[in-house]
Amino acid sequence: MKDQIQENMPSIPIACSLSERERSERERAIAGDVMSGITETRELPDGYAFRFPGDDPWPERIQAFVLAERRCCPFFTFELTFEPGQGPIWLRLRGPEGTKAFVEEMFLFG
């Protein structure tokens, strides 16, 4: 299924559309707000999966992150899974070749 999805996707460059200053500000905001809530990270063949707490305020924070990232990084595929009983939330950031390196630089090891 992954191959079929990628075949139907337009070619979008693996790049952020923000200026260097905007990107730096965004990275600080992400690190302090959203990425600080990660309780587990899993490497995927085409990206990463991040586990977050399921209680407030995490659903709203993660949603705000996804909405902002969709504007500046249109190559991402976002997948959100909300576990039952207010369990953890999983955010998967996936995309074409080069996405893993981008996530590592911008969110994990940058």
N, C-alpha and C. Protein backbone atom coordinates (compact mmCIF):
# COMPACT_ATOMS: atom_id res chain seq x y z
N MET A 1 0.81 -1.19 0.00
CA MET A 1 0.00 0.00 0.00
C MET A 1 0.86 1.25 0.00
N LYS A 2 1.96 1.23 0.74
CA LYS A 2 2.85 2.38 0.79
C LYS A 2 3.33 2.74 -0.61
N ASP A 3 3.76 1.73 -1.38
CA ASP A 3 4.25 2.00 -2.72
C ASP A 3 3.17 2.61 -3.59
N GLN A 4 1.94 2.15 -3.46
CA GLN A 4 0.83 2.69 -4.24
C GLN A 4 0.58 4.15 -3.85
N ILE A 5 0.64 4.47 -2.56
CA ILE A 5 0.44 5.84 -2.11
C ILE A 5 1.53 6.73 -2.67
N GLN A 6 2.80 6.31 -2.57
CA GLN A 6 3.90 7.12 -3.05
C GLN A 6 3.85 7.29 -4.56
N GLU A 7 3.37 6.29 -5.30
CA GLU A 7 3.25 6.42 -6.75
C GLU A 7 2.26 7.50 -7.13
N ASN A 8 1.21 7.67 -6.33
CA ASN A 8 0.18 8.65 -6.64
C ASN A 8 0.48 10.04 -6.11
N MET A 9 1.55 10.20 -5.34
CA MET A 9 1.89 11.50 -4.77
C MET A 9 2.67 12.33 -5.78
N PRO A 10 2.36 13.63 -5.85
CA PRO A 10 3.17 14.48 -6.72
C PRO A 10 4.56 14.62 -6.12
N SER A 11 5.52 14.95 -6.94
CA SER A 11 6.89 15.13 -6.48
C SER A 11 6.98 16.47 -5.74
N ILE A 12 7.18 16.39 -4.44
CA ILE A 12 7.29 17.59 -3.61
C ILE A 12 8.67 17.57 -2.99
N PRO A 13 9.42 18.66 -3.10
CA PRO A 13 10.77 18.66 -2.54
C PRO A 13 10.75 18.50 -1.02
N ILE A 14 11.79 17.84 -0.49
CA ILE A 14 11.95 17.67 0.95
C ILE A 14 12.64 18.94 1.45
N ALA A 15 11.83 19.92 1.79
CA ALA A 15 12.36 21.21 2.23
C ALA A 15 11.28 21.96 2.99
N CYS A 16 11.74 22.85 3.86
CA CYS A 16 10.84 23.71 4.62
C CYS A 16 10.72 25.04 3.88
N SER A 17 9.53 25.57 3.80
CA SER A 17 9.32 26.83 3.08
C SER A 17 9.55 28.06 3.94
N LEU A 18 9.87 27.87 5.22
CA LEU A 18 10.11 29.01 6.11
C LEU A 18 11.50 29.59 5.88
N SER A 19 11.65 30.88 6.18
CA SER A 19 12.97 31.50 6.13
C SER A 19 13.82 30.93 7.25
N GLU A 20 15.12 31.18 7.21
CA GLU A 20 16.02 30.68 8.25
C GLU A 20 15.60 31.18 9.63
N ARG A 21 15.23 32.45 9.74
CA ARG A 21 14.81 33.04 11.01
C ARG A 21 13.50 32.41 11.49
N GLU A 22 12.54 32.28 10.58
CA GLU A 22 11.25 31.67 10.93
C GLU A 22 11.43 30.22 11.36
N ARG A 23 12.30 29.53 10.64
CA ARG A 23 12.54 28.12 10.96
C ARG A 23 13.20 27.97 12.31
N SER A 24 14.14 28.83 12.63
CA SER A 24 14.81 28.80 13.93
C SER A 24 13.81 29.04 15.06
N GLU A 25 12.93 30.01 14.88
CA GLU A 25 11.90 30.30 15.87
C GLU A 25 10.94 29.11 16.01
N ARG A 26 10.58 28.51 14.91
CA ARG A 26 9.66 27.37 14.91
C ARG A 26 10.30 26.17 15.61
N GLU A 27 11.59 25.93 15.34
CA GLU A 27 12.28 24.82 15.98
C GLU A 27 12.29 24.99 17.50
N ARG A 28 12.55 26.21 17.97
CA ARG A 28 12.54 26.45 19.42
C ARG A 28 11.15 26.20 19.99
N ALA A 29 10.13 26.65 19.29
CA ALA A 29 8.75 26.46 19.76
C ALA A 29 8.40 24.97 19.79
N ILE A 30 8.80 24.24 18.77
CA ILE A 30 8.51 22.80 18.71
C ILE A 30 9.23 22.07 19.84
N ALA A 31 10.51 22.38 20.00
CA ALA A 31 11.29 21.69 21.03
C ALA A 31 10.71 21.94 22.41
N GLY A 32 10.29 23.17 22.66
CA GLY A 32 9.77 23.51 23.98
C GLY A 32 8.34 23.07 24.21
N ASP A 33 7.56 22.97 23.16
CA ASP A 33 6.14 22.72 23.32
C ASP A 33 5.75 21.27 23.00
N VAL A 34 6.04 20.84 21.81
CA VAL A 34 5.55 19.54 21.37
C VAL A 34 6.57 18.42 21.59
N MET A 35 7.78 18.60 21.11
CA MET A 35 8.76 17.52 21.18
C MET A 35 9.14 17.17 22.61
N SER A 36 8.95 18.07 23.54
CA SER A 36 9.25 17.77 24.95
C SER A 36 8.29 16.72 25.52
N GLY A 37 7.16 16.50 24.85
CA GLY A 37 6.18 15.53 25.34
C GLY A 37 6.36 14.12 24.82
N ILE A 38 7.33 13.90 23.95
CA ILE A 38 7.54 12.57 23.38
C ILE A 38 7.98 11.61 24.47
N THR A 39 7.27 10.49 24.57
CA THR A 39 7.63 9.47 25.55
C THR A 39 8.29 8.25 24.91
N GLU A 40 8.18 8.16 23.58
CA GLU A 40 8.82 7.06 22.85
C GLU A 40 8.96 7.48 21.39
N THR A 41 10.05 7.05 20.77
CA THR A 41 10.30 7.31 19.35
C THR A 41 10.59 5.99 18.68
N ARG A 42 9.94 5.77 17.54
CA ARG A 42 10.18 4.56 16.75
C ARG A 42 10.56 4.97 15.33
N GLU A 43 11.62 4.37 14.84
CA GLU A 43 12.03 4.61 13.47
C GLU A 43 11.17 3.76 12.55
N LEU A 44 10.68 4.37 11.48
CA LEU A 44 9.89 3.69 10.46
C LEU A 44 10.69 3.64 9.17
N PRO A 45 10.33 2.79 8.23
CA PRO A 45 11.07 2.74 6.97
C PRO A 45 11.09 4.09 6.24
N ASP A 46 10.03 4.88 6.41
CA ASP A 46 9.91 6.14 5.67
C ASP A 46 9.67 7.34 6.59
N GLY A 47 10.09 7.24 7.85
CA GLY A 47 9.90 8.36 8.77
C GLY A 47 10.06 7.93 10.21
N TYR A 48 9.28 8.57 11.09
CA TYR A 48 9.34 8.29 12.52
C TYR A 48 7.94 8.29 13.12
N ALA A 49 7.80 7.54 14.21
CA ALA A 49 6.58 7.55 15.01
C ALA A 49 6.92 8.07 16.39
N PHE A 50 6.10 8.97 16.90
CA PHE A 50 6.32 9.58 18.20
C PHE A 50 5.11 9.31 19.09
N ARG A 51 5.38 8.85 20.30
CA ARG A 51 4.32 8.58 21.27
C ARG A 51 4.23 9.74 22.25
N PHE A 52 3.00 10.20 22.50
CA PHE A 52 2.72 11.29 23.41
C PHE A 52 1.70 10.84 24.45
N PRO A 53 1.65 11.53 25.59
CA PRO A 53 0.59 11.24 26.56
C PRO A 53 -0.78 11.47 25.92
N GLY A 54 -1.79 10.77 26.41
CA GLY A 54 -3.13 10.91 25.84
C GLY A 54 -4.00 11.93 26.53
N ASP A 55 -3.51 12.49 27.62
CA ASP A 55 -4.34 13.44 28.37
C ASP A 55 -4.12 14.87 27.88
N ASP A 56 -4.98 15.78 28.37
CA ASP A 56 -4.85 17.19 28.02
C ASP A 56 -3.53 17.72 28.55
N PRO A 57 -2.89 18.59 27.84
CA PRO A 57 -3.28 19.33 26.63
C PRO A 57 -2.73 18.73 25.33
N TRP A 58 -2.28 17.47 25.37
CA TRP A 58 -1.56 16.92 24.22
C TRP A 58 -2.36 16.82 22.92
N PRO A 59 -3.62 16.46 22.92
CA PRO A 59 -4.32 16.42 21.62
C PRO A 59 -4.29 17.77 20.89
N GLU A 60 -4.51 18.85 21.62
CA GLU A 60 -4.53 20.18 21.01
C GLU A 60 -3.13 20.60 20.55
N ARG A 61 -2.13 20.32 21.35
CA ARG A 61 -0.75 20.68 20.98
C ARG A 61 -0.30 19.94 19.72
N ILE A 62 -0.61 18.66 19.66
CA ILE A 62 -0.20 17.87 18.50
C ILE A 62 -0.95 18.33 17.25
N GLN A 63 -2.22 18.61 17.40
CA GLN A 63 -3.00 19.09 16.27
C GLN A 63 -2.46 20.43 15.76
N ALA A 64 -2.13 21.34 16.65
CA ALA A 64 -1.56 22.63 16.25
C ALA A 64 -0.23 22.43 15.51
N PHE A 65 0.58 21.50 16.00
CA PHE A 65 1.84 21.18 15.34
C PHE A 65 1.61 20.70 13.92
N VAL A 66 0.69 19.75 13.76
CA VAL A 66 0.41 19.19 12.43
C VAL A 66 -0.09 20.28 11.49
N LEU A 67 -1.01 21.11 11.95
CA LEU A 67 -1.54 22.17 11.09
C LEU A 67 -0.45 23.14 10.65
N ALA A 68 0.46 23.49 11.56
CA ALA A 68 1.55 24.40 11.21
C ALA A 68 2.53 23.73 10.24
N GLU A 69 2.87 22.49 10.49
CA GLU A 69 3.83 21.79 9.64
C GLU A 69 3.29 21.52 8.24
N ARG A 70 1.99 21.33 8.12
CA ARG A 70 1.39 21.12 6.79
C ARG A 70 1.63 22.32 5.89
N ARG A 71 1.65 23.52 6.49
CA ARG A 71 1.85 24.75 5.70
C ARG A 71 3.28 24.88 5.20
N CYS A 72 4.26 24.54 6.04
CA CYS A 72 5.64 24.80 5.65
C CYS A 72 6.38 23.57 5.11
N CYS A 73 5.88 22.39 5.38
CA CYS A 73 6.54 21.15 4.94
C CYS A 73 5.50 20.24 4.27
N PRO A 74 5.09 20.58 3.06
CA PRO A 74 3.98 19.87 2.42
C PRO A 74 4.30 18.44 2.00
N PHE A 75 5.53 18.00 2.12
CA PHE A 75 5.90 16.64 1.72
C PHE A 75 5.54 15.60 2.79
N PHE A 76 5.29 16.05 4.03
CA PHE A 76 4.98 15.11 5.11
C PHE A 76 3.63 14.44 4.92
N THR A 77 3.57 13.17 5.30
CA THR A 77 2.31 12.47 5.53
C THR A 77 2.18 12.37 7.04
N PHE A 78 1.07 12.86 7.57
CA PHE A 78 0.84 12.84 9.01
C PHE A 78 -0.19 11.77 9.33
N GLU A 79 0.09 10.97 10.34
CA GLU A 79 -0.87 9.97 10.81
C GLU A 79 -0.99 10.12 12.32
N LEU A 80 -2.21 10.28 12.79
CA LEU A 80 -2.47 10.37 14.22
C LEU A 80 -3.30 9.17 14.65
N THR A 81 -2.88 8.54 15.73
CA THR A 81 -3.63 7.43 16.31
C THR A 81 -3.87 7.75 17.77
N PHE A 82 -5.13 7.76 18.15
CA PHE A 82 -5.51 7.99 19.54
C PHE A 82 -5.91 6.65 20.13
N GLU A 83 -5.12 6.16 21.09
CA GLU A 83 -5.39 4.87 21.71
C GLU A 83 -6.64 4.98 22.59
N PRO A 84 -7.38 3.88 22.76
CA PRO A 84 -8.61 3.92 23.56
C PRO A 84 -8.34 4.24 25.03
N GLY A 85 -9.40 4.70 25.70
CA GLY A 85 -9.34 4.96 27.13
C GLY A 85 -8.39 6.07 27.51
N GLN A 86 -8.30 7.11 26.70
CA GLN A 86 -7.38 8.23 26.93
C GLN A 86 -5.93 7.76 26.95
N GLY A 87 -5.66 6.68 26.23
CA GLY A 87 -4.30 6.16 26.13
C GLY A 87 -3.42 7.08 25.31
N PRO A 88 -2.22 6.64 25.00
CA PRO A 88 -1.27 7.49 24.29
C PRO A 88 -1.73 7.87 22.89
N ILE A 89 -1.13 8.92 22.40
CA ILE A 89 -1.35 9.40 21.04
C ILE A 89 -0.07 9.13 20.26
N TRP A 90 -0.22 8.56 19.08
CA TRP A 90 0.93 8.32 18.20
C TRP A 90 0.85 9.27 17.01
N LEU A 91 1.93 9.99 16.77
CA LEU A 91 2.07 10.84 15.59
C LEU A 91 3.14 10.22 14.71
N ARG A 92 2.76 9.89 13.49
CA ARG A 92 3.72 9.37 12.53
C ARG A 92 3.98 10.43 11.47
N LEU A 93 5.26 10.76 11.30
CA LEU A 93 5.70 11.67 10.24
C LEU A 93 6.37 10.81 9.19
N ARG A 94 5.75 10.74 8.03
CA ARG A 94 6.24 9.89 6.95
C ARG A 94 6.35 10.70 5.68
N GLY A 95 7.07 10.14 4.71
CA GLY A 95 7.17 10.82 3.43
C GLY A 95 8.12 10.10 2.50
N PRO A 96 8.42 10.75 1.38
CA PRO A 96 9.30 10.15 0.38
C PRO A 96 10.74 10.07 0.89
N GLU A 97 11.59 9.48 0.09
CA GLU A 97 13.00 9.35 0.45
C GLU A 97 13.57 10.71 0.84
N GLY A 98 14.30 10.74 1.94
CA GLY A 98 14.87 11.97 2.46
C GLY A 98 14.11 12.51 3.66
N THR A 99 12.91 11.99 3.90
CA THR A 99 12.08 12.47 5.01
C THR A 99 12.72 12.14 6.36
N LYS A 100 13.25 10.93 6.50
CA LYS A 100 13.85 10.54 7.78
C LYS A 100 15.00 11.47 8.14
N ALA A 101 15.86 11.76 7.19
CA ALA A 101 17.00 12.65 7.46
C ALA A 101 16.50 14.04 7.83
N PHE A 102 15.45 14.51 7.18
CA PHE A 102 14.89 15.82 7.49
C PHE A 102 14.36 15.85 8.92
N VAL A 103 13.61 14.82 9.32
CA VAL A 103 13.05 14.75 10.68
C VAL A 103 14.18 14.71 11.70
N GLU A 104 15.21 13.93 11.42
CA GLU A 104 16.35 13.84 12.33
C GLU A 104 17.00 15.21 12.53
N GLU A 105 17.20 15.92 11.44
CA GLU A 105 17.85 17.24 11.52
C GLU A 105 16.98 18.28 12.20
N MET A 106 15.71 18.30 11.84
CA MET A 106 14.82 19.37 12.32
C MET A 106 14.28 19.12 13.73
N PHE A 107 13.97 17.88 14.06
CA PHE A 107 13.24 17.61 15.30
C PHE A 107 14.00 16.76 16.31
N LEU A 108 14.92 15.92 15.86
CA LEU A 108 15.53 14.98 16.79
C LEU A 108 16.96 15.33 17.18
N PHE A 109 17.80 15.54 16.21
CA PHE A 109 19.23 15.68 16.50
C PHE A 109 19.78 17.04 16.07
N GLY A 110 18.90 17.91 15.55
CA GLY A 110 19.32 19.20 14.99
C GLY A 110 20.01 20.06 15.95
